[in-house]
Amino acid sequence: MKNKSKELKIAIKAAIKAGKILKKHFEKDVLKEFKEDETIVTIADRESEIIIKKIIGKAFPNHCLIGEESGSNKKVCEYVWHIDPLDGTRNFANGLPIFGVSIALVFNHEIMVGVVYNPVTKSLFYAEKNKGAYLNNKKIFVSEDDEEHAIIAVDPSKNEENTKLRKELLYSFPRTFVRSVRDLGSTAVELSYLARGSFEANIQLGLESYDFAAGALIVLEAGGKITKLDGSEWEFPENNFIASNGVFHDKLVEEIKKQKEKLKI
């Protein structure tokens, strides 16, 4: 991308620096800790977030920052950075190379910059609003495949109703609607893969803003489509949504509606 903004340049710098930390710890005997919600955190998460916040804080001292491990700095401001220092911690902690650093800048509830970086594969996805989406400086686009050839991802949820829906989608969709359904264990990576044409859709069922903010912008800038589960207009930070290549989006909406009716939710 030509003429990157200062914000995007800083986000990329922070993601690459944090990625070096993750690479240093990857496939080592890192200590796993379990948080109250039973998710995993490691020293790599914490070290990665510290360096990201240091770089962004120095460049933009008046911006707010929300990180998975340290929460918000509790300032009120128009510009807010949503940071996941290690999206896919369970994969990382178990030696699976499907994880990434996720950094997004939001201005008045609109995502302006998004960066996702996997240091193992050296895949740097990034996007800036109205400037397209890129993978390692090459412009990327969503696929043109329909449901018969589609691979979709269904991500975890944090409430009982969405958990029921997720199980139904994971086990019913492959037989009745699409070619294959996956859960790679990293929302940021899945959305980035959707943007480059490796997936055709991603269904989000209630994760945190820092999990999907960067990836959502990358999908949209790659030509993808995002709506709420019922097909209505999506706005950040709504965390129940369908992201897709747009080819069979309306059919996805209808299928999810049928599944919800079957489950009476």
Protein backbone atom coordinates (compact mmCIF):
# COMPACT_ATOMS: atom_id res chain seq x y z
CA MET A 1 0.00 0.00 0.00
CA LYS A 2 1.28 3.44 -0.91
CA ASN A 3 0.87 6.42 1.41
CA LYS A 4 0.24 4.48 4.61
CA SER A 5 -1.00 6.70 7.43
CA LYS A 6 1.10 7.20 10.54
CA GLU A 7 -1.48 5.15 12.45
CA LEU A 8 -1.10 2.17 10.12
CA LYS A 9 2.69 2.38 10.13
CA ILE A 10 2.73 2.37 13.94
CA ALA A 11 0.27 -0.54 14.09
CA ILE A 12 2.44 -2.57 11.72
CA LYS A 13 5.58 -1.70 13.69
CA ALA A 14 3.91 -2.76 16.96
CA ALA A 15 2.58 -6.01 15.45
CA ILE A 16 5.99 -7.02 14.08
CA LYS A 17 7.77 -6.20 17.35
CA ALA A 18 5.18 -8.19 19.30
CA GLY A 19 5.45 -11.00 16.78
CA LYS A 20 9.16 -11.33 17.53
CA ILE A 21 8.28 -11.91 21.17
CA LEU A 22 5.75 -14.59 20.27
CA LYS A 23 8.22 -16.28 17.92
CA LYS A 24 10.83 -16.32 20.71
CA HIS A 25 8.45 -18.19 23.03
CA PHE A 26 6.77 -20.42 20.44
CA GLU A 27 7.34 -24.17 20.89
CA LYS A 28 9.07 -23.51 24.19
CA ASP A 29 7.87 -24.70 27.59
CA VAL A 30 5.78 -21.60 28.36
CA LEU A 31 3.82 -21.49 31.59
CA LYS A 32 0.07 -21.70 31.00
CA GLU A 33 -2.30 -19.92 33.37
CA PHE A 34 -6.08 -20.11 33.33
CA LYS A 35 -8.18 -16.99 33.79
CA GLU A 36 -11.60 -16.88 35.46
CA ASP A 37 -13.37 -17.55 32.14
CA GLU A 38 -11.13 -20.63 31.67
CA THR A 39 -9.20 -19.08 28.78
CA ILE A 40 -5.42 -19.43 28.73
CA VAL A 41 -2.84 -16.70 29.20
CA THR A 42 0.96 -17.03 28.93
CA ILE A 43 3.98 -14.83 29.50
CA ALA A 44 4.04 -14.33 25.73
CA ASP A 45 0.59 -12.68 25.84
CA ARG A 46 1.70 -10.27 28.53
CA GLU A 47 5.07 -9.39 27.01
CA SER A 48 3.48 -8.89 23.61
CA GLU A 49 0.83 -6.54 24.96
CA ILE A 50 3.39 -4.50 26.91
CA ILE A 51 5.46 -3.77 23.79
CA ILE A 52 2.37 -2.96 21.70
CA LYS A 53 1.06 -0.51 24.26
CA LYS A 54 4.48 1.05 24.67
CA ILE A 55 4.87 1.70 20.94
CA ILE A 56 1.33 2.98 20.42
CA GLY A 57 1.30 4.98 23.65
CA LYS A 58 4.49 6.78 22.70
CA ALA A 59 3.21 7.65 19.21
CA PHE A 60 -0.33 8.57 20.28
CA PRO A 61 -0.36 9.53 23.98
CA ASN A 62 -3.89 10.92 23.78
CA HIS A 63 -5.45 7.75 22.37
CA CYS A 64 -7.24 5.11 24.43
CA LEU A 65 -6.07 1.50 24.48
CA ILE A 66 -8.07 -1.65 25.20
CA GLY A 67 -6.03 -4.84 25.54
CA GLU A 68 -7.11 -8.39 26.29
CA GLU A 69 -4.72 -8.84 29.20
CA SER A 70 -4.70 -5.39 30.80
CA GLY A 71 -8.11 -4.03 29.89
CA SER A 72 -8.67 -0.33 29.21
CA ASN A 73 -6.59 2.63 30.32
CA LYS A 74 -9.98 4.12 31.29
CA LYS A 75 -9.57 7.37 29.42
CA VAL A 76 -12.43 8.69 27.32
CA CYS A 77 -11.39 9.60 23.81
CA GLU A 78 -12.42 9.42 20.16
CA TYR A 79 -9.53 7.20 19.09
CA VAL A 80 -9.43 3.74 20.67
CA TRP A 81 -6.93 0.95 19.93
CA HIS A 82 -8.29 -2.59 20.31
CA ILE A 83 -5.39 -4.96 20.96
CA ASP A 84 -5.19 -8.72 21.16
CA PRO A 85 -1.49 -9.45 21.74
CA LEU A 86 -1.93 -13.15 21.02
CA ASP A 87 -5.14 -14.25 19.36
CA GLY A 88 -5.12 -18.03 19.49
CA THR A 89 -3.32 -18.52 22.81
CA ARG A 90 -4.42 -22.13 23.17
CA ASN A 91 -2.98 -22.95 19.74
CA PHE A 92 0.23 -21.10 20.62
CA ALA A 93 0.60 -22.82 23.99
CA ASN A 94 0.19 -26.21 22.35
CA GLY A 95 2.66 -25.61 19.54
CA LEU A 96 0.10 -25.04 16.78
CA PRO A 97 1.19 -22.25 14.41
CA ILE A 98 -2.28 -20.73 13.97
CA PHE A 99 -2.27 -17.50 15.97
CA GLY A 100 -1.52 -13.85 15.51
CA VAL A 101 -1.15 -10.35 16.86
CA SER A 102 -4.30 -8.30 16.24
CA ILE A 103 -4.33 -4.49 16.39
CA ALA A 104 -7.13 -2.15 15.30
CA LEU A 105 -7.75 1.58 15.60
CA VAL A 106 -11.35 2.71 16.00
CA PHE A 107 -12.53 6.31 15.60
CA ASN A 108 -16.02 7.05 16.91
CA HIS A 109 -17.07 3.39 16.52
CA GLU A 110 -15.65 3.14 12.99
CA ILE A 111 -12.66 0.85 12.34
CA MET A 112 -9.96 2.87 10.59
CA VAL A 113 -6.89 0.59 10.72
CA GLY A 114 -6.48 -3.16 11.13
CA VAL A 115 -3.35 -5.32 11.34
CA VAL A 116 -3.07 -9.09 11.91
CA TYR A 117 0.37 -10.69 11.99
CA ASN A 118 1.37 -14.35 12.28
CA PRO A 119 5.11 -14.39 13.01
CA VAL A 120 5.51 -18.10 12.26
CA THR A 121 4.23 -17.86 8.69
CA LYS A 122 5.38 -14.23 8.40
CA SER A 123 1.92 -13.31 7.18
CA LEU A 124 1.23 -9.60 7.64
CA PHE A 125 -2.38 -8.70 6.87
CA TYR A 126 -3.35 -5.07 7.04
CA ALA A 127 -6.00 -2.63 5.90
CA GLU A 128 -6.88 1.01 6.14
CA LYS A 129 -10.39 2.29 5.60
CA ASN A 130 -11.10 2.94 1.92
CA LYS A 131 -7.58 1.88 0.89
CA GLY A 132 -7.99 -1.87 0.36
CA ALA A 133 -6.62 -4.94 2.16
CA TYR A 134 -3.13 -6.38 1.83
CA LEU A 135 -1.08 -9.45 2.66
CA ASN A 136 2.65 -8.74 2.76
CA ASN A 137 2.14 -5.65 0.58
CA LYS A 138 0.10 -7.51 -2.06
CA LYS A 139 -3.54 -6.51 -2.43
CA ILE A 140 -5.99 -9.27 -1.53
CA PHE A 141 -9.63 -10.01 -2.27
CA VAL A 142 -12.30 -12.39 -1.01
CA SER A 143 -13.05 -15.50 -3.06
CA GLU A 144 -15.88 -15.87 -5.57
CA ASP A 145 -16.89 -19.39 -4.50
CA ASP A 146 -20.49 -20.23 -3.66
CA GLU A 147 -21.85 -22.43 -0.87
CA GLU A 148 -21.20 -25.67 -2.74
CA HIS A 149 -17.46 -25.08 -2.53
CA ALA A 150 -17.37 -23.00 0.64
CA ILE A 151 -15.31 -23.43 3.77
CA ILE A 152 -16.72 -21.43 6.66
CA ALA A 153 -15.58 -20.85 10.23
CA VAL A 154 -17.80 -20.73 13.30
CA ASP A 155 -16.20 -19.16 16.33
CA PRO A 156 -16.79 -19.85 20.04
CA SER A 157 -19.40 -18.10 22.13
CA LYS A 158 -19.75 -17.02 25.73
CA ASN A 159 -23.42 -17.62 26.46
CA GLU A 160 -25.63 -20.69 26.50
CA GLU A 161 -27.86 -19.81 23.54
CA ASN A 162 -24.97 -19.04 21.24
CA THR A 163 -23.15 -22.17 22.35
CA LYS A 164 -26.15 -24.25 21.27
CA LEU A 165 -26.27 -22.44 17.94
CA ARG A 166 -22.53 -22.89 17.40
CA LYS A 167 -22.76 -26.67 17.93
CA GLU A 168 -25.66 -26.90 15.51
CA LEU A 169 -23.81 -24.91 12.86
CA LEU A 170 -20.59 -26.88 13.29
CA TYR A 171 -22.28 -30.25 12.88
CA SER A 172 -25.26 -29.50 10.60
CA PHE A 173 -23.81 -27.14 8.01
CA PRO A 174 -21.33 -29.59 6.43
CA ARG A 175 -24.08 -32.07 5.61
CA THR A 176 -26.78 -29.69 4.46
CA PHE A 177 -25.34 -26.45 3.20
CA VAL A 178 -21.61 -25.92 2.70
CA ARG A 179 -18.55 -28.00 1.84
CA SER A 180 -16.82 -27.73 5.22
CA VAL A 181 -17.01 -25.98 8.60
CA ARG A 182 -13.94 -25.22 10.70
CA ASP A 183 -12.83 -23.60 13.92
CA LEU A 184 -9.13 -22.74 13.70
CA GLY A 185 -8.98 -21.31 17.20
CA SER A 186 -8.01 -17.77 16.14
CA THR A 187 -10.68 -15.32 15.08
CA ALA A 188 -8.20 -12.77 13.74
CA VAL A 189 -6.52 -15.37 11.54
CA GLU A 190 -9.82 -16.79 10.30
CA LEU A 191 -11.09 -13.37 9.24
CA SER A 192 -7.79 -12.63 7.54
CA TYR A 193 -7.99 -15.93 5.68
CA LEU A 194 -11.51 -15.00 4.60
CA ALA A 195 -10.13 -11.73 3.21
CA ARG A 196 -7.49 -13.54 1.13
CA GLY A 197 -9.97 -16.09 -0.23
CA SER A 198 -9.10 -19.13 1.90
CA PHE A 199 -12.50 -19.10 3.65
CA GLU A 200 -15.85 -18.03 2.28
CA ALA A 201 -17.50 -17.02 5.56
CA ASN A 202 -16.98 -16.56 9.29
CA ILE A 203 -19.74 -16.57 11.89
CA GLN A 204 -19.13 -14.61 15.08
CA LEU A 205 -21.14 -15.44 18.18
CA GLY A 206 -20.22 -13.01 20.92
CA LEU A 207 -16.46 -12.60 21.26
CA GLU A 208 -14.70 -9.41 22.41
CA SER A 209 -14.03 -6.42 20.15
CA TYR A 210 -10.27 -6.93 20.19
CA ASP A 211 -10.79 -10.45 18.82
CA PHE A 212 -12.38 -9.30 15.57
CA ALA A 213 -11.90 -5.55 15.04
CA ALA A 214 -8.79 -5.76 12.86
CA GLY A 215 -10.00 -8.80 10.94
CA ALA A 216 -13.40 -7.25 10.26
CA LEU A 217 -11.85 -4.23 8.56
CA ILE A 218 -9.52 -6.44 6.53
CA VAL A 219 -12.53 -8.46 5.30
CA LEU A 220 -14.50 -5.37 4.33
CA GLU A 221 -11.55 -3.79 2.54
CA ALA A 222 -10.99 -7.05 0.64
CA GLY A 223 -14.51 -6.79 -0.78
CA GLY A 224 -16.32 -8.88 1.80
CA LYS A 225 -19.66 -8.32 3.47
CA ILE A 226 -20.65 -8.19 7.16
CA THR A 227 -24.16 -8.11 8.60
CA LYS A 228 -25.80 -9.06 11.85
CA LEU A 229 -27.00 -12.65 12.06
CA ASP A 230 -30.46 -11.60 10.87
CA GLY A 231 -29.04 -9.84 7.82
CA SER A 232 -29.53 -6.30 9.10
CA GLU A 233 -26.82 -3.65 8.99
CA TRP A 234 -23.76 -4.34 11.13
CA GLU A 235 -21.93 -1.69 13.11
CA PHE A 236 -18.87 -2.08 15.29
CA PRO A 237 -18.70 -3.28 18.07
CA GLU A 238 -21.70 -5.61 17.51
CA ASN A 239 -20.21 -9.05 18.19
CA ASN A 240 -22.81 -11.36 16.66
CA PHE A 241 -22.38 -11.23 12.90
CA ILE A 242 -21.77 -13.00 9.61
CA ALA A 243 -18.72 -12.06 7.57
CA SER A 244 -18.57 -13.53 4.08
CA ASN A 245 -17.40 -13.10 0.51
CA GLY A 246 -20.93 -11.89 -0.24
CA VAL A 247 -21.69 -14.57 -2.85
CA PHE A 248 -24.18 -16.54 -0.75
CA HIS A 249 -24.54 -14.21 2.21
CA ASP A 250 -28.34 -14.05 2.07
CA LYS A 251 -28.52 -17.85 2.03
CA LEU A 252 -26.32 -17.95 5.13
CA VAL A 253 -28.69 -15.58 6.89
CA GLU A 254 -31.64 -17.83 6.03
CA GLU A 255 -29.85 -20.99 7.14
CA ILE A 256 -28.92 -19.47 10.49
CA LYS A 257 -32.50 -18.31 10.94
CA LYS A 258 -33.69 -21.89 10.35
CA GLN A 259 -31.20 -23.27 12.85
CA LYS A 260 -32.28 -20.73 15.49
CA GLU A 261 -35.93 -21.57 14.93
CA LYS A 262 -35.18 -25.26 15.27
CA LEU A 263 -33.40 -24.60 18.56
CA LYS A 264 -36.11 -22.12 19.67
CA ILE A 265 -33.62 -19.38 20.44
